[in-house]
Amino acid sequence: MTSIKAKLIEAIETVPDSILEQTLDYLEYLKTREQKPQTLSQQVPQKEGEPILRGSKAKDLLKFANTWQGNDFEECLQLVYDTRSQTEF
């Protein structure tokens, strides 16, 4: 038995069941993640010659400018003012 497995078994013997349950869930998650390769980037169709957008910038949002639909703009804006936090630098 490897030293890692021995250490795990030793730790398992002294841990409460609640922690064991969480540990088992995490171990199963890691196993499924290892089995399924992440192919998300391959699933996204891309048109030839079209740049890949890595990060969102304010400039990207300009295409939506002046497109507000609905009559709750002032209410939504007030919600932003009421719930925003101070910035710390």
N, C-alpha and C. Protein backbone atom coordinates (compact mmCIF):
# COMPACT_ATOMS: atom_id res chain seq x y z
N MET A 1 0.85 -1.18 0.00
CA MET A 1 0.00 0.00 0.00
C MET A 1 0.89 1.24 0.00
N THR A 2 0.51 2.21 -0.79
CA THR A 2 1.31 3.44 -0.88
C THR A 2 1.17 4.25 0.40
N SER A 3 2.12 5.12 0.61
CA SER A 3 2.08 5.94 1.83
C SER A 3 0.89 6.89 1.83
N ILE A 4 0.47 7.33 0.64
CA ILE A 4 -0.69 8.22 0.57
C ILE A 4 -1.95 7.49 1.00
N LYS A 5 -2.13 6.27 0.50
CA LYS A 5 -3.31 5.48 0.90
C LYS A 5 -3.26 5.18 2.39
N ALA A 6 -2.10 4.86 2.91
CA ALA A 6 -1.98 4.57 4.33
C ALA A 6 -2.34 5.79 5.16
N LYS A 7 -1.89 6.96 4.73
CA LYS A 7 -2.22 8.19 5.45
C LYS A 7 -3.72 8.47 5.38
N LEU A 8 -4.32 8.22 4.22
CA LEU A 8 -5.76 8.43 4.08
C LEU A 8 -6.53 7.49 5.00
N ILE A 9 -6.15 6.23 5.01
CA ILE A 9 -6.85 5.25 5.85
C ILE A 9 -6.69 5.62 7.32
N GLU A 10 -5.52 6.05 7.70
CA GLU A 10 -5.28 6.47 9.09
C GLU A 10 -6.15 7.67 9.44
N ALA A 11 -6.26 8.62 8.53
CA ALA A 11 -7.09 9.81 8.79
C ALA A 11 -8.57 9.44 8.81
N ILE A 12 -8.97 8.53 7.95
CA ILE A 12 -10.38 8.12 7.87
C ILE A 12 -10.84 7.49 9.18
N GLU A 13 -9.96 6.75 9.82
CA GLU A 13 -10.33 6.05 11.05
C GLU A 13 -10.63 6.99 12.21
N THR A 14 -10.18 8.23 12.14
CA THR A 14 -10.37 9.16 13.26
C THR A 14 -11.30 10.32 12.93
N VAL A 15 -11.93 10.29 11.78
CA VAL A 15 -12.76 11.42 11.34
C VAL A 15 -14.24 11.12 11.60
N PRO A 16 -15.01 12.14 12.00
CA PRO A 16 -16.46 11.95 12.17
C PRO A 16 -17.15 11.64 10.84
N ASP A 17 -18.30 10.98 10.92
CA ASP A 17 -19.03 10.57 9.72
C ASP A 17 -19.41 11.75 8.82
N SER A 18 -19.71 12.90 9.42
CA SER A 18 -20.10 14.05 8.59
C SER A 18 -18.96 14.48 7.66
N ILE A 19 -17.74 14.45 8.17
CA ILE A 19 -16.59 14.81 7.34
C ILE A 19 -16.31 13.71 6.33
N LEU A 20 -16.52 12.46 6.72
CA LEU A 20 -16.33 11.35 5.78
C LEU A 20 -17.28 11.46 4.60
N GLU A 21 -18.52 11.85 4.88
CA GLU A 21 -19.51 12.00 3.82
C GLU A 21 -19.08 13.08 2.83
N GLN A 22 -18.63 14.21 3.33
CA GLN A 22 -18.17 15.29 2.46
C GLN A 22 -16.94 14.87 1.67
N THR A 23 -16.05 14.14 2.33
CA THR A 23 -14.84 13.68 1.66
C THR A 23 -15.17 12.71 0.54
N LEU A 24 -16.10 11.81 0.79
CA LEU A 24 -16.52 10.85 -0.24
C LEU A 24 -17.15 11.58 -1.42
N ASP A 25 -18.00 12.55 -1.15
CA ASP A 25 -18.61 13.32 -2.23
C ASP A 25 -17.55 14.00 -3.08
N TYR A 26 -16.56 14.59 -2.42
CA TYR A 26 -15.50 15.29 -3.15
C TYR A 26 -14.66 14.31 -3.96
N LEU A 27 -14.36 13.16 -3.38
CA LEU A 27 -13.58 12.15 -4.09
C LEU A 27 -14.32 11.66 -5.34
N GLU A 28 -15.61 11.43 -5.21
CA GLU A 28 -16.41 11.01 -6.37
C GLU A 28 -16.45 12.10 -7.44
N TYR A 29 -16.55 13.35 -7.00
CA TYR A 29 -16.52 14.46 -7.94
C TYR A 29 -15.20 14.48 -8.71
N LEU A 30 -14.09 14.33 -7.99
CA LEU A 30 -12.78 14.33 -8.64
C LEU A 30 -12.64 13.18 -9.63
N LYS A 31 -13.17 12.02 -9.27
CA LYS A 31 -13.08 10.87 -10.17
C LYS A 31 -13.87 11.12 -11.46
N THR A 32 -15.07 11.66 -11.36
CA THR A 32 -15.87 11.92 -12.56
C THR A 32 -15.25 13.02 -13.40
N ARG A 33 -14.66 14.01 -12.74
CA ARG A 33 -14.00 15.10 -13.47
C ARG A 33 -12.79 14.58 -14.23
N GLU A 34 -12.09 13.63 -13.65
CA GLU A 34 -10.92 13.05 -14.29
C GLU A 34 -11.32 12.19 -15.50
N GLN A 35 -12.48 11.53 -15.41
CA GLN A 35 -12.93 10.64 -16.47
C GLN A 35 -13.47 11.40 -17.66
N LYS A 36 -14.08 12.56 -17.43
CA LYS A 36 -14.67 13.34 -18.51
C LYS A 36 -13.73 14.48 -18.86
N PRO A 37 -13.03 14.40 -19.96
CA PRO A 37 -12.15 15.51 -20.34
C PRO A 37 -12.99 16.74 -20.66
N GLN A 38 -12.46 17.87 -20.32
CA GLN A 38 -13.19 19.11 -20.55
C GLN A 38 -13.04 19.52 -22.00
N THR A 39 -14.14 19.39 -22.75
CA THR A 39 -14.13 19.71 -24.17
C THR A 39 -15.06 20.88 -24.45
N LEU A 40 -15.27 21.72 -23.46
CA LEU A 40 -16.18 22.85 -23.63
C LEU A 40 -15.73 23.76 -24.76
N SER A 41 -14.44 24.03 -24.84
CA SER A 41 -13.98 24.94 -25.87
C SER A 41 -14.15 24.36 -27.26
N GLN A 42 -14.20 23.04 -27.38
CA GLN A 42 -14.39 22.42 -28.68
C GLN A 42 -15.86 22.42 -29.10
N GLN A 43 -16.76 22.56 -28.14
CA GLN A 43 -18.19 22.52 -28.44
C GLN A 43 -18.73 23.86 -28.93
N VAL A 44 -18.03 24.93 -28.66
CA VAL A 44 -18.49 26.25 -29.06
C VAL A 44 -18.17 26.48 -30.53
N PRO A 45 -19.22 26.64 -31.36
CA PRO A 45 -18.94 26.86 -32.78
C PRO A 45 -18.31 28.24 -33.00
N GLN A 46 -17.39 28.29 -33.92
CA GLN A 46 -16.71 29.55 -34.22
C GLN A 46 -16.68 29.74 -35.72
N LYS A 47 -17.09 30.92 -36.16
CA LYS A 47 -17.04 31.24 -37.58
C LYS A 47 -15.61 31.54 -37.97
N GLU A 48 -15.25 31.14 -39.17
CA GLU A 48 -13.89 31.36 -39.63
C GLU A 48 -13.60 32.85 -39.75
N GLY A 49 -12.47 33.26 -39.23
CA GLY A 49 -12.08 34.66 -39.28
C GLY A 49 -12.65 35.50 -38.16
N GLU A 50 -13.52 34.91 -37.33
CA GLU A 50 -14.12 35.64 -36.22
C GLU A 50 -13.22 35.53 -35.00
N PRO A 51 -12.88 36.64 -34.35
CA PRO A 51 -11.99 36.57 -33.20
C PRO A 51 -12.66 35.88 -32.02
N ILE A 52 -11.84 35.23 -31.21
CA ILE A 52 -12.34 34.60 -29.99
C ILE A 52 -12.33 35.65 -28.89
N LEU A 53 -13.49 35.90 -28.29
CA LEU A 53 -13.58 36.88 -27.23
C LEU A 53 -13.17 36.23 -25.92
N ARG A 54 -12.12 36.72 -25.31
CA ARG A 54 -11.62 36.14 -24.07
C ARG A 54 -12.26 36.80 -22.85
N GLY A 55 -12.34 38.09 -22.85
CA GLY A 55 -12.88 38.81 -21.71
C GLY A 55 -13.90 39.82 -22.17
N SER A 56 -14.79 40.18 -21.29
CA SER A 56 -15.81 41.15 -21.64
C SER A 56 -15.31 42.55 -21.33
N LYS A 57 -15.56 43.44 -22.22
CA LYS A 57 -15.17 44.83 -22.03
C LYS A 57 -16.40 45.72 -22.21
N ALA A 58 -16.33 46.89 -21.67
CA ALA A 58 -17.46 47.81 -21.79
C ALA A 58 -17.78 48.08 -23.25
N LYS A 59 -16.76 48.11 -24.09
CA LYS A 59 -16.97 48.35 -25.52
C LYS A 59 -17.87 47.27 -26.13
N ASP A 60 -17.78 46.04 -25.60
CA ASP A 60 -18.61 44.96 -26.11
C ASP A 60 -20.10 45.19 -25.83
N LEU A 61 -20.38 46.00 -24.81
CA LEU A 61 -21.77 46.24 -24.44
C LEU A 61 -22.42 47.37 -25.23
N LEU A 62 -21.63 48.11 -25.99
CA LEU A 62 -22.18 49.25 -26.73
C LEU A 62 -23.25 48.84 -27.74
N LYS A 63 -23.17 47.62 -28.23
CA LYS A 63 -24.18 47.20 -29.20
C LYS A 63 -25.57 47.12 -28.56
N PHE A 64 -25.63 47.11 -27.23
CA PHE A 64 -26.91 47.06 -26.54
C PHE A 64 -27.37 48.44 -26.07
N ALA A 65 -26.59 49.45 -26.32
CA ALA A 65 -26.93 50.80 -25.87
C ALA A 65 -28.25 51.25 -26.52
N ASN A 66 -29.05 51.95 -25.73
CA ASN A 66 -30.36 52.46 -26.18
C ASN A 66 -31.32 51.35 -26.57
N THR A 67 -31.19 50.18 -25.95
CA THR A 67 -32.10 49.08 -26.28
C THR A 67 -32.92 48.65 -25.07
N TRP A 68 -33.01 49.50 -24.04
CA TRP A 68 -33.78 49.13 -22.85
C TRP A 68 -35.23 48.95 -23.23
N GLN A 69 -35.79 47.84 -22.82
CA GLN A 69 -37.21 47.57 -23.08
C GLN A 69 -37.90 47.40 -21.74
N GLY A 70 -39.00 48.02 -21.59
CA GLY A 70 -39.75 47.93 -20.34
C GLY A 70 -39.91 49.30 -19.73
N ASN A 71 -40.69 49.32 -18.66
CA ASN A 71 -40.95 50.59 -18.02
C ASN A 71 -40.41 50.63 -16.59
N ASP A 72 -39.43 49.78 -16.29
CA ASP A 72 -38.91 49.71 -14.94
C ASP A 72 -37.46 50.19 -14.84
N PHE A 73 -37.03 51.01 -15.79
CA PHE A 73 -35.64 51.47 -15.79
C PHE A 73 -35.29 52.21 -14.52
N GLU A 74 -36.11 53.18 -14.12
CA GLU A 74 -35.82 53.98 -12.93
C GLU A 74 -35.79 53.10 -11.69
N GLU A 75 -36.70 52.14 -11.61
CA GLU A 75 -36.74 51.23 -10.46
C GLU A 75 -35.47 50.38 -10.40
N CYS A 76 -35.03 49.85 -11.52
CA CYS A 76 -33.80 49.05 -11.57
C CYS A 76 -32.58 49.89 -11.25
N LEU A 77 -32.53 51.10 -11.76
CA LEU A 77 -31.41 51.98 -11.48
C LEU A 77 -31.35 52.32 -9.99
N GLN A 78 -32.50 52.54 -9.39
CA GLN A 78 -32.53 52.84 -7.95
C GLN A 78 -32.07 51.62 -7.15
N LEU A 79 -32.42 50.43 -7.58
CA LEU A 79 -31.97 49.20 -6.92
C LEU A 79 -30.44 49.10 -6.96
N VAL A 80 -29.85 49.47 -8.08
CA VAL A 80 -28.38 49.47 -8.18
C VAL A 80 -27.79 50.45 -7.18
N TYR A 81 -28.33 51.65 -7.13
CA TYR A 81 -27.83 52.65 -6.20
C TYR A 81 -27.97 52.19 -4.74
N ASP A 82 -29.09 51.54 -4.43
CA ASP A 82 -29.35 51.12 -3.06
C ASP A 82 -28.49 49.95 -2.61
N THR A 83 -28.08 49.09 -3.52
CA THR A 83 -27.40 47.86 -3.13
C THR A 83 -25.92 47.82 -3.45
N ARG A 84 -25.39 48.82 -4.12
CA ARG A 84 -23.98 48.77 -4.45
C ARG A 84 -23.13 49.07 -3.22
N SER A 85 -21.92 48.54 -3.24
CA SER A 85 -21.03 48.75 -2.11
C SER A 85 -19.90 49.70 -2.49
N GLN A 86 -19.23 50.21 -1.50
CA GLN A 86 -18.13 51.12 -1.74
C GLN A 86 -16.94 50.34 -2.32
N THR A 87 -16.21 50.99 -3.21
CA THR A 87 -15.02 50.37 -3.80
C THR A 87 -13.83 50.64 -2.91
N GLU A 88 -12.99 49.60 -2.77
CA GLU A 88 -11.77 49.77 -1.99
C GLU A 88 -10.59 49.54 -2.90
N PHE A 89 -9.63 50.45 -2.85
CA PHE A 89 -8.42 50.32 -3.66
C PHE A 89 -7.23 50.17 -2.76
